[in-house]
Amino acid sequence: MPGRAPYGYRYRDGGYQLYPEAAMVVRAFFDHFLLYGSLGSAVRHINRRFHCTFAVSTGRRWLTHPWYRRSEPPLLRGDEAAQVDRWLRRNRAFAPRAASAPRALSGLVRCRVCTQTLRVASAPPKYLYLRCYQCPRSPKCAALDYTKTLNAIIQRITLDLPQSFSRIDPGSLINLRSRLDQSIAQKESVLLQIPKLLAQDILDLPTADQRQGTLRQELSVLMAQRAALPPVNLESITQNLSIPQFWHDLSEPERRSYLREFLRGITLDPQHIPQSISLQFFF
């Protein structure tokens, strides 16, 4: 690869090799992002742990840099890269502050009455609640106790998630993922051959540029389709998420990561909880 070596690698003996001390920083960043799905939190984590001063923009480049996914050895495995892509895709649906907020329900809950997204607010000493800051109604929709609402949503998830999963054919998901992986590998192989064809005068520069642009666009579409698929171990995860105690044993950031992994959104009527809670799953 031309240019400067990506952070975590160094040029030696005619090629790029892992630089252990720097690679440890990048790997810790990936591990934290894979667990919690928060870019800002992952950057703060490595800055504290390794006494660094990396910017959020640097972390964002690491998440999408192809070298970390396709090098030998890669710092990001194929299944982990798919998880990163899912997190990035999920987070685009949230406002920047909600995407990195530690609370599990941040950015997820929408009021069915006024159609506004509910925000997490706090009051002394430690009272948390959900309220709509831009409610157009008069009187405004009532604020909700955060903990009680979260418990009601968890109860609904344990009932609705198994039913939603039962409509999925695991075999078809495996076949679809395999076909996408094969298509991605085939197009990446063709993309790597273009410089050789250009050097051999089999392709001229305009044709090579056009073909590379087309292949990259097709790759982007295929990767987006793969990122939208549920996790490979969806069945085992669903079994755990169907147990109420599993949710209560999680920390708030861990609950946040599971909710965003499976839920597109939550709608409810503040006056009729838990009966009005409606879940929109990604699958």
C-alpha atoms as a PDB file:
ATOM      1  CA  MET A   1       0.000   0.000   0.000  1.00  0.00           C
ATOM      2  CA  PRO A   2       1.478   3.379  -0.956  1.00  0.00           C
ATOM      3  CA  GLY A   3       1.914   6.159   1.554  1.00  0.00           C
ATOM      4  CA  ARG A   4       2.364   6.130   5.285  1.00  0.00           C
ATOM      5  CA  ALA A   5       1.792   2.913   7.217  1.00  0.00           C
ATOM      6  CA  PRO A   6      -1.523   2.803   9.147  1.00  0.00           C
ATOM      7  CA  TYR A   7      -1.196   3.217  12.904  1.00  0.00           C
ATOM      8  CA  GLY A   8      -0.370  -0.184  14.372  1.00  0.00           C
ATOM      9  CA  TYR A   9       1.889  -1.219  11.473  1.00  0.00           C
ATOM     10  CA  ARG A  10       5.366  -0.278  10.301  1.00  0.00           C
ATOM     11  CA  TYR A  11       7.310  -0.766   7.100  1.00  0.00           C
ATOM     12  CA  ARG A  12      10.063  -3.381   7.403  1.00  0.00           C
ATOM     13  CA  ASP A  13      11.765  -5.879   5.068  1.00  0.00           C
ATOM     14  CA  GLY A  14       9.860  -4.665   2.039  1.00  0.00           C
ATOM     15  CA  GLY A  15       6.383  -4.827   3.589  1.00  0.00           C
ATOM     16  CA  TYR A  16       4.126  -3.732   6.432  1.00  0.00           C
ATOM     17  CA  GLN A  17       4.315  -5.628   9.716  1.00  0.00           C
ATOM     18  CA  LEU A  18       2.458  -5.318  13.001  1.00  0.00           C
ATOM     19  CA  TYR A  19       4.021  -2.898  15.460  1.00  0.00           C
ATOM     20  CA  PRO A  20       2.974  -4.538  18.773  1.00  0.00           C
ATOM     21  CA  GLU A  21       2.829  -1.471  21.016  1.00  0.00           C
ATOM     22  CA  ALA A  22       0.737   0.578  18.581  1.00  0.00           C
ATOM     23  CA  ALA A  23      -1.344  -2.411  17.476  1.00  0.00           C
ATOM     24  CA  MET A  24      -2.335  -2.958  21.119  1.00  0.00           C
ATOM     25  CA  VAL A  25      -3.861   0.533  21.191  1.00  0.00           C
ATOM     26  CA  VAL A  26      -5.863  -0.007  17.999  1.00  0.00           C
ATOM     27  CA  ARG A  27      -7.061  -3.425  19.166  1.00  0.00           C
ATOM     28  CA  ALA A  28      -8.194  -2.012  22.526  1.00  0.00           C
ATOM     29  CA  PHE A  29     -10.116   0.668  20.632  1.00  0.00           C
ATOM     30  CA  PHE A  30     -11.841  -1.956  18.469  1.00  0.00           C
ATOM     31  CA  ASP A  31     -12.675  -4.136  21.481  1.00  0.00           C
ATOM     32  CA  HIS A  32     -14.328  -1.253  23.309  1.00  0.00           C
ATOM     33  CA  PHE A  33     -16.292  -0.125  20.244  1.00  0.00           C
ATOM     34  CA  LEU A  34     -17.452  -3.671  19.501  1.00  0.00           C
ATOM     35  CA  LEU A  35     -18.731  -4.014  23.058  1.00  0.00           C
ATOM     36  CA  TYR A  36     -20.485  -0.663  23.503  1.00  0.00           C
ATOM     37  CA  GLY A  37     -20.890   0.793  20.000  1.00  0.00           C
ATOM     38  CA  SER A  38     -19.828   4.287  21.085  1.00  0.00           C
ATOM     39  CA  LEU A  39     -17.083   5.987  19.078  1.00  0.00           C
ATOM     40  CA  GLY A  40     -16.470   8.757  21.596  1.00  0.00           C
ATOM     41  CA  SER A  41     -16.382   6.326  24.514  1.00  0.00           C
ATOM     42  CA  ALA A  42     -13.886   4.060  22.701  1.00  0.00           C
ATOM     43  CA  VAL A  43     -11.546   6.987  21.987  1.00  0.00           C
ATOM     44  CA  ARG A  44     -11.737   8.191  25.596  1.00  0.00           C
ATOM     45  CA  HIS A  45     -11.037   4.645  26.763  1.00  0.00           C
ATOM     46  CA  ILE A  46      -7.715   4.317  24.894  1.00  0.00           C
ATOM     47  CA  ASN A  47      -6.717   7.882  25.776  1.00  0.00           C
ATOM     48  CA  ARG A  48      -7.114   7.080  29.479  1.00  0.00           C
ATOM     49  CA  ARG A  49      -5.637   3.604  29.325  1.00  0.00           C
ATOM     50  CA  PHE A  50      -2.593   4.397  27.188  1.00  0.00           C
ATOM     51  CA  HIS A  51      -2.194   8.110  28.075  1.00  0.00           C
ATOM     52  CA  CYS A  52      -2.741   9.135  24.438  1.00  0.00           C
ATOM     53  CA  THR A  53      -4.474  12.118  22.814  1.00  0.00           C
ATOM     54  CA  PHE A  54      -6.272  10.570  19.853  1.00  0.00           C
ATOM     55  CA  ALA A  55      -9.142  12.533  18.303  1.00  0.00           C
ATOM     56  CA  VAL A  56     -12.591  11.119  17.554  1.00  0.00           C
ATOM     57  CA  SER A  57     -11.935  11.685  13.835  1.00  0.00           C
ATOM     58  CA  THR A  58      -8.921   9.362  14.087  1.00  0.00           C
ATOM     59  CA  GLY A  59     -11.046   6.631  15.646  1.00  0.00           C
ATOM     60  CA  ARG A  60     -13.630   7.059  12.912  1.00  0.00           C
ATOM     61  CA  ARG A  61     -10.937   6.507  10.248  1.00  0.00           C
ATOM     62  CA  TRP A  62      -9.732   3.369  12.022  1.00  0.00           C
ATOM     63  CA  LEU A  63     -13.226   1.893  11.955  1.00  0.00           C
ATOM     64  CA  THR A  64     -13.503   2.174   8.166  1.00  0.00           C
ATOM     65  CA  HIS A  65      -9.851   1.790   7.110  1.00  0.00           C
ATOM     66  CA  PRO A  66      -9.594  -1.251   4.799  1.00  0.00           C
ATOM     67  CA  TRP A  67      -6.063  -2.126   5.927  1.00  0.00           C
ATOM     68  CA  TYR A  68      -7.187  -3.187   9.402  1.00  0.00           C
ATOM     69  CA  ARG A  69      -9.643  -5.605   7.803  1.00  0.00           C
ATOM     70  CA  ARG A  70      -7.667  -7.028   4.876  1.00  0.00           C
ATOM     71  CA  SER A  71      -4.040  -7.062   5.994  1.00  0.00           C
ATOM     72  CA  GLU A  72      -2.191 -10.153   7.175  1.00  0.00           C
ATOM     73  CA  PRO A  73      -2.621 -10.497  10.038  1.00  0.00           C
ATOM     74  CA  PRO A  74      -5.720  -8.249  10.283  1.00  0.00           C
ATOM     75  CA  LEU A  75      -6.503  -6.338  13.454  1.00  0.00           C
ATOM     76  CA  LEU A  76     -10.214  -6.722  12.714  1.00  0.00           C
ATOM     77  CA  ARG A  77     -11.638 -10.125  11.791  1.00  0.00           C
ATOM     78  CA  GLY A  78     -14.416 -10.543   9.245  1.00  0.00           C
ATOM     79  CA  ASP A  79     -17.188 -11.080  11.807  1.00  0.00           C
ATOM     80  CA  GLU A  80     -15.907  -8.128  13.854  1.00  0.00           C
ATOM     81  CA  ALA A  81     -15.802  -5.910  10.768  1.00  0.00           C
ATOM     82  CA  ALA A  82     -19.440  -6.803  10.079  1.00  0.00           C
ATOM     83  CA  GLN A  83     -20.310  -5.858  13.675  1.00  0.00           C
ATOM     84  CA  VAL A  84     -18.493  -2.527  13.298  1.00  0.00           C
ATOM     85  CA  ASP A  85     -20.434  -1.815  10.115  1.00  0.00           C
ATOM     86  CA  ARG A  86     -23.702  -2.621  11.898  1.00  0.00           C
ATOM     87  CA  TRP A  87     -22.834  -0.262  14.749  1.00  0.00           C
ATOM     88  CA  LEU A  88     -21.947   2.546  12.347  1.00  0.00           C
ATOM     89  CA  ARG A  89     -25.168   1.988  10.437  1.00  0.00           C
ATOM     90  CA  ARG A  90     -27.242   1.950  13.643  1.00  0.00           C
ATOM     91  CA  ASN A  91     -25.592   5.092  15.029  1.00  0.00           C
ATOM     92  CA  ARG A  92     -26.373   7.088  11.897  1.00  0.00           C
ATOM     93  CA  ALA A  93     -30.035   6.933  12.894  1.00  0.00           C
ATOM     94  CA  PHE A  94     -29.340   8.834  16.133  1.00  0.00           C
ATOM     95  CA  ALA A  95     -28.367  12.393  16.898  1.00  0.00           C
ATOM     96  CA  PRO A  96     -24.623  12.670  17.705  1.00  0.00           C
ATOM     97  CA  ARG A  97     -25.194  13.095  21.449  1.00  0.00           C
ATOM     98  CA  ALA A  98     -27.709  10.255  21.597  1.00  0.00           C
ATOM     99  CA  ALA A  99     -25.377   7.972  19.633  1.00  0.00           C
ATOM    100  CA  SER A 100     -22.688   8.226  22.315  1.00  0.00           C
ATOM    101  CA  ALA A 101     -24.941   8.645  25.374  1.00  0.00           C
ATOM    102  CA  PRO A 102     -24.415   5.978  28.056  1.00  0.00           C
ATOM    103  CA  ARG A 103     -28.112   5.513  28.907  1.00  0.00           C
ATOM    104  CA  ALA A 104     -29.764   2.483  27.339  1.00  0.00           C
ATOM    105  CA  LEU A 105     -32.887   4.290  26.096  1.00  0.00           C
ATOM    106  CA  SER A 106     -31.153   7.396  24.703  1.00  0.00           C
ATOM    107  CA  GLY A 107     -32.499   8.160  21.231  1.00  0.00           C
ATOM    108  CA  LEU A 108     -34.597   4.976  21.044  1.00  0.00           C
ATOM    109  CA  VAL A 109     -37.984   5.932  22.512  1.00  0.00           C
ATOM    110  CA  ARG A 110     -40.589   7.932  20.606  1.00  0.00           C
ATOM    111  CA  CYS A 111     -43.891   9.210  21.978  1.00  0.00           C
ATOM    112  CA  ARG A 112     -46.827   7.846  19.995  1.00  0.00           C
ATOM    113  CA  VAL A 113     -49.003  10.842  20.904  1.00  0.00           C
ATOM    114  CA  CYS A 114     -46.763  13.756  19.853  1.00  0.00           C
ATOM    115  CA  THR A 115     -44.360  11.708  17.647  1.00  0.00           C
ATOM    116  CA  GLN A 116     -41.321  13.310  19.309  1.00  0.00           C
ATOM    117  CA  THR A 117     -38.220  11.447  20.510  1.00  0.00           C
ATOM    118  CA  LEU A 118     -37.994  11.301  24.296  1.00  0.00           C
ATOM    119  CA  ARG A 119     -34.772  12.482  25.902  1.00  0.00           C
ATOM    120  CA  VAL A 120     -33.173  11.270  29.111  1.00  0.00           C
ATOM    121  CA  ALA A 121     -33.066  13.971  31.788  1.00  0.00           C
ATOM    122  CA  SER A 122     -32.081  13.999  35.429  1.00  0.00           C
ATOM    123  CA  ALA A 123     -33.108  15.776  38.606  1.00  0.00           C
ATOM    124  CA  PRO A 124     -31.410  15.819  42.006  1.00  0.00           C
ATOM    125  CA  PRO A 125     -30.509  13.736  43.791  1.00  0.00           C
ATOM    126  CA  LYS A 126     -30.505  10.746  41.380  1.00  0.00           C
ATOM    127  CA  TYR A 127     -33.866  10.795  39.652  1.00  0.00           C
ATOM    128  CA  LEU A 128     -33.867   9.914  35.938  1.00  0.00           C
ATOM    129  CA  TYR A 129     -36.816  10.402  33.643  1.00  0.00           C
ATOM    130  CA  LEU A 130     -37.815  10.510  29.973  1.00  0.00           C
ATOM    131  CA  ARG A 131     -39.429  13.625  28.611  1.00  0.00           C
ATOM    132  CA  CYS A 132     -40.150  15.365  25.319  1.00  0.00           C
ATOM    133  CA  TYR A 133     -38.443  18.759  25.146  1.00  0.00           C
ATOM    134  CA  GLN A 134     -40.322  19.919  22.040  1.00  0.00           C
ATOM    135  CA  CYS A 135     -43.777  18.527  22.680  1.00  0.00           C
ATOM    136  CA  PRO A 136     -46.306  20.540  20.592  1.00  0.00           C
ATOM    137  CA  ARG A 137     -49.270  19.542  22.749  1.00  0.00           C
ATOM    138  CA  SER A 138     -50.859  21.548  25.520  1.00  0.00           C
ATOM    139  CA  PRO A 139     -50.661  20.271  28.155  1.00  0.00           C
ATOM    140  CA  LYS A 140     -47.413  18.535  27.261  1.00  0.00           C
ATOM    141  CA  CYS A 141     -47.074  14.770  27.369  1.00  0.00           C
ATOM    142  CA  ALA A 142     -46.162  13.530  30.829  1.00  0.00           C
ATOM    143  CA  ALA A 143     -42.575  12.746  31.785  1.00  0.00           C
ATOM    144  CA  LEU A 144     -41.816   9.087  32.564  1.00  0.00           C
ATOM    145  CA  ASP A 145     -39.793   7.499  35.308  1.00  0.00           C
ATOM    146  CA  TYR A 146     -36.721   6.133  33.512  1.00  0.00           C
ATOM    147  CA  THR A 147     -36.241   2.968  35.568  1.00  0.00           C
ATOM    148  CA  LYS A 148     -39.900   1.941  35.490  1.00  0.00           C
ATOM    149  CA  THR A 149     -40.077   2.541  31.739  1.00  0.00           C
ATOM    150  CA  LEU A 150     -36.888   0.555  31.127  1.00  0.00           C
ATOM    151  CA  ASN A 151     -38.227  -2.371  33.172  1.00  0.00           C
ATOM    152  CA  ALA A 152     -41.503  -2.328  31.235  1.00  0.00           C
ATOM    153  CA  ILE A 153     -39.607  -2.302  27.919  1.00  0.00           C
ATOM    154  CA  ILE A 154     -37.409  -5.207  29.036  1.00  0.00           C
ATOM    155  CA  GLN A 155     -40.523  -7.181  29.948  1.00  0.00           C
ATOM    156  CA  ARG A 156     -41.981  -6.526  26.495  1.00  0.00           C
ATOM    157  CA  ILE A 157     -38.720  -7.554  24.800  1.00  0.00           C
ATOM    158  CA  THR A 158     -38.666 -10.909  26.588  1.00  0.00           C
ATOM    159  CA  LEU A 159     -42.158 -11.576  25.209  1.00  0.00           C
ATOM    160  CA  ASP A 160     -41.821 -10.195  21.662  1.00  0.00           C
ATOM    161  CA  LEU A 161     -38.240 -11.158  20.748  1.00  0.00           C
ATOM    162  CA  PRO A 162     -38.783 -14.958  20.591  1.00  0.00           C
ATOM    163  CA  GLN A 163     -41.859 -14.438  18.407  1.00  0.00           C
ATOM    164  CA  SER A 164     -39.919 -12.159  16.056  1.00  0.00           C
ATOM    165  CA  PHE A 165     -37.006 -14.589  15.862  1.00  0.00           C
ATOM    166  CA  SER A 166     -39.310 -17.542  15.151  1.00  0.00           C
ATOM    167  CA  ARG A 167     -40.192 -15.952  11.779  1.00  0.00           C
ATOM    168  CA  ILE A 168     -36.538 -16.072  10.648  1.00  0.00           C
ATOM    169  CA  ASP A 169     -35.063 -19.031   8.772  1.00  0.00           C
ATOM    170  CA  PRO A 170     -31.482 -19.417  10.109  1.00  0.00           C
ATOM    171  CA  GLY A 171     -30.461 -21.454   7.051  1.00  0.00           C
ATOM    172  CA  SER A 172     -31.477 -18.709   4.635  1.00  0.00           C
ATOM    173  CA  LEU A 173     -29.480 -16.170   6.656  1.00  0.00           C
ATOM    174  CA  ILE A 174     -26.378 -18.375   6.498  1.00  0.00           C
ATOM    175  CA  ASN A 175     -26.761 -18.838   2.740  1.00  0.00           C
ATOM    176  CA  LEU A 176     -27.310 -15.124   2.166  1.00  0.00           C
ATOM    177  CA  ARG A 177     -24.248 -14.209   4.245  1.00  0.00           C
ATOM    178  CA  SER A 178     -22.155 -16.766   2.348  1.00  0.00           C
ATOM    179  CA  ARG A 179     -23.259 -15.412  -1.045  1.00  0.00           C
ATOM    180  CA  LEU A 180     -22.475 -11.851   0.016  1.00  0.00           C
ATOM    181  CA  ASP A 181     -19.035 -12.869   1.309  1.00  0.00           C
ATOM    182  CA  GLN A 182     -18.263 -14.636  -1.953  1.00  0.00           C
ATOM    183  CA  SER A 183     -19.370 -11.640  -4.024  1.00  0.00           C
ATOM    184  CA  ILE A 184     -17.297  -9.267  -1.890  1.00  0.00           C
ATOM    185  CA  ALA A 185     -14.204 -11.483  -2.161  1.00  0.00           C
ATOM    186  CA  GLN A 186     -14.625 -11.799  -5.937  1.00  0.00           C
ATOM    187  CA  LYS A 187     -14.908  -8.043  -6.484  1.00  0.00           C
ATOM    188  CA  GLU A 188     -11.971  -7.346  -4.160  1.00  0.00           C
ATOM    189  CA  SER A 189      -9.899  -9.833  -6.188  1.00  0.00           C
ATOM    190  CA  VAL A 190     -10.800  -8.079  -9.440  1.00  0.00           C
ATOM    191  CA  LEU A 191      -9.977  -4.714  -7.884  1.00  0.00           C
ATOM    192  CA  LEU A 192      -6.494  -5.950  -6.954  1.00  0.00           C
ATOM    193  CA  GLN A 193      -5.861  -7.113 -10.529  1.00  0.00           C
ATOM    194  CA  ILE A 194      -6.549  -3.737 -12.158  1.00  0.00           C
ATOM    195  CA  PRO A 195      -3.105  -2.205 -11.375  1.00  0.00           C
ATOM    196  CA  LYS A 196      -1.447  -5.248 -12.968  1.00  0.00           C
ATOM    197  CA  LEU A 197      -3.616  -4.941 -16.084  1.00  0.00           C
ATOM    198  CA  LEU A 198      -2.790  -1.253 -16.236  1.00  0.00           C
ATOM    199  CA  ALA A 199       0.952  -1.946 -15.970  1.00  0.00           C
ATOM    200  CA  GLN A 200       0.682  -4.513 -18.782  1.00  0.00           C
ATOM    201  CA  ASP A 201      -1.147  -1.992 -21.040  1.00  0.00           C
ATOM    202  CA  ILE A 202      -4.194  -4.261 -21.155  1.00  0.00           C
ATOM    203  CA  LEU A 203      -6.263  -1.396 -19.727  1.00  0.00           C
ATOM    204  CA  ASP A 204      -5.744   2.313 -20.328  1.00  0.00           C
ATOM    205  CA  LEU A 205      -5.939   4.780 -17.438  1.00  0.00           C
ATOM    206  CA  PRO A 206      -9.497   6.122 -18.069  1.00  0.00           C
ATOM    207  CA  THR A 207     -10.884   2.597 -18.387  1.00  0.00           C
ATOM    208  CA  ALA A 208      -9.045   1.462 -15.244  1.00  0.00           C
ATOM    209  CA  ASP A 209     -10.324   4.448 -13.248  1.00  0.00           C
ATOM    210  CA  GLN A 210     -13.882   3.861 -14.408  1.00  0.00           C
ATOM    211  CA  ARG A 211     -13.714   0.156 -13.591  1.00  0.00           C
ATOM    212  CA  GLN A 212     -12.236   0.828 -10.138  1.00  0.00           C
ATOM    213  CA  GLY A 213     -14.979   3.351  -9.370  1.00  0.00           C
ATOM    214  CA  THR A 214     -17.686   0.890 -10.423  1.00  0.00           C
ATOM    215  CA  LEU A 215     -16.191  -1.933  -8.358  1.00  0.00           C
ATOM    216  CA  ARG A 216     -15.839   0.245  -5.259  1.00  0.00           C
ATOM    217  CA  GLN A 217     -19.448   1.343  -5.567  1.00  0.00           C
ATOM    218  CA  GLU A 218     -20.612  -2.265  -5.931  1.00  0.00           C
ATOM    219  CA  LEU A 219     -18.449  -3.264  -2.950  1.00  0.00           C
ATOM    220  CA  SER A 220     -19.995  -0.517  -0.860  1.00  0.00           C
ATOM    221  CA  VAL A 221     -23.493  -1.797  -1.643  1.00  0.00           C
ATOM    222  CA  LEU A 222     -22.566  -5.406  -0.833  1.00  0.00           C
ATOM    223  CA  MET A 223     -20.892  -4.453   2.440  1.00  0.00           C
ATOM    224  CA  ALA A 224     -23.910  -2.400   3.456  1.00  0.00           C
ATOM    225  CA  GLN A 225     -26.139  -5.413   2.767  1.00  0.00           C
ATOM    226  CA  ARG A 226     -23.869  -7.656   4.851  1.00  0.00           C
ATOM    227  CA  ALA A 227     -23.742  -5.126   7.665  1.00  0.00           C
ATOM    228  CA  ALA A 228     -27.553  -5.050   7.784  1.00  0.00           C
ATOM    229  CA  LEU A 229     -27.743  -8.794   8.493  1.00  0.00           C
ATOM    230  CA  PRO A 230     -28.287  -9.998  12.085  1.00  0.00           C
ATOM    231  CA  PRO A 231     -25.290 -11.398  13.994  1.00  0.00           C
ATOM    232  CA  VAL A 232     -24.114 -14.911  13.179  1.00  0.00           C
ATOM    233  CA  ASN A 233     -24.922 -16.151  16.704  1.00  0.00           C
ATOM    234  CA  LEU A 234     -28.396 -14.619  16.662  1.00  0.00           C
ATOM    235  CA  GLU A 235     -30.146 -17.739  17.988  1.00  0.00           C
ATOM    236  CA  SER A 236     -28.020 -18.045  21.152  1.00  0.00           C
ATOM    237  CA  ILE A 237     -28.201 -14.290  21.791  1.00  0.00           C
ATOM    238  CA  THR A 238     -31.985 -14.372  21.441  1.00  0.00           C
ATOM    239  CA  GLN A 239     -32.252 -17.121  24.043  1.00  0.00           C
ATOM    240  CA  ASN A 240     -30.323 -14.993  26.547  1.00  0.00           C
ATOM    241  CA  LEU A 241     -32.276 -11.833  25.774  1.00  0.00           C
ATOM    242  CA  SER A 242     -35.531 -13.679  26.440  1.00  0.00           C
ATOM    243  CA  ILE A 243     -34.582 -14.033  30.125  1.00  0.00           C
ATOM    244  CA  PRO A 244     -35.524 -10.929  32.204  1.00  0.00           C
ATOM    245  CA  GLN A 245     -32.749 -11.518  34.734  1.00  0.00           C
ATOM    246  CA  PHE A 246     -30.154 -11.402  31.955  1.00  0.00           C
ATOM    247  CA  TRP A 247     -31.112  -7.768  31.284  1.00  0.00           C
ATOM    248  CA  HIS A 248     -31.061  -6.800  34.944  1.00  0.00           C
ATOM    249  CA  ASP A 249     -27.572  -8.271  35.398  1.00  0.00           C
ATOM    250  CA  LEU A 250     -26.167  -6.025  32.643  1.00  0.00           C
ATOM    251  CA  SER A 251     -24.645  -2.621  33.191  1.00  0.00           C
ATOM    252  CA  GLU A 252     -26.407   0.350  31.608  1.00  0.00           C
ATOM    253  CA  PRO A 253     -23.896   0.637  28.709  1.00  0.00           C
ATOM    254  CA  GLU A 254     -24.236  -3.105  28.057  1.00  0.00           C
ATOM    255  CA  ARG A 255     -28.042  -2.822  27.960  1.00  0.00           C
ATOM    256  CA  ARG A 256     -27.629   0.093  25.569  1.00  0.00           C
ATOM    257  CA  SER A 257     -25.502  -1.982  23.191  1.00  0.00           C
ATOM    258  CA  TYR A 258     -27.978  -4.889  23.113  1.00  0.00           C
ATOM    259  CA  LEU A 259     -30.977  -2.605  22.591  1.00  0.00           C
ATOM    260  CA  ARG A 260     -29.344  -0.871  19.637  1.00  0.00           C
ATOM    261  CA  GLU A 261     -28.192  -4.161  18.180  1.00  0.00           C
ATOM    262  CA  PHE A 262     -31.748  -5.444  17.809  1.00  0.00           C
ATOM    263  CA  LEU A 263     -34.155  -2.502  18.019  1.00  0.00           C
ATOM    264  CA  ARG A 264     -34.836   0.081  15.348  1.00  0.00           C
ATOM    265  CA  GLY A 265     -37.019   2.017  17.757  1.00  0.00           C
ATOM    266  CA  ILE A 266     -39.592   1.962  20.549  1.00  0.00           C
ATOM    267  CA  THR A 267     -42.925   3.780  20.525  1.00  0.00           C
ATOM    268  CA  LEU A 268     -45.257   4.227  23.470  1.00  0.00           C
ATOM    269  CA  ASP A 269     -48.109   6.260  24.893  1.00  0.00           C
ATOM    270  CA  PRO A 270     -46.991   7.864  28.189  1.00  0.00           C
ATOM    271  CA  GLN A 271     -50.480   7.444  29.621  1.00  0.00           C
ATOM    272  CA  HIS A 272     -50.729   3.708  28.887  1.00  0.00           C
ATOM    273  CA  ILE A 273     -47.594   1.848  29.920  1.00  0.00           C
ATOM    274  CA  PRO A 274     -46.812  -1.030  29.521  1.00  0.00           C
ATOM    275  CA  GLN A 275     -49.782  -1.827  27.237  1.00  0.00           C
ATOM    276  CA  SER A 276     -48.821   0.786  24.613  1.00  0.00           C
ATOM    277  CA  ILE A 277     -45.159  -0.244  24.183  1.00  0.00           C
ATOM    278  CA  SER A 278     -44.386  -1.251  20.593  1.00  0.00           C
ATOM    279  CA  LEU A 279     -40.971  -2.573  19.459  1.00  0.00           C
ATOM    280  CA  GLN A 280     -39.526  -2.312  15.958  1.00  0.00           C
ATOM    281  CA  PHE A 281     -36.845  -4.971  15.449  1.00  0.00           C
ATOM    282  CA  PHE A 282     -34.173  -4.823  12.753  1.00  0.00           C
ATOM    283  CA  PHE A 283     -35.016  -8.356  11.600  1.00  0.00           C
END
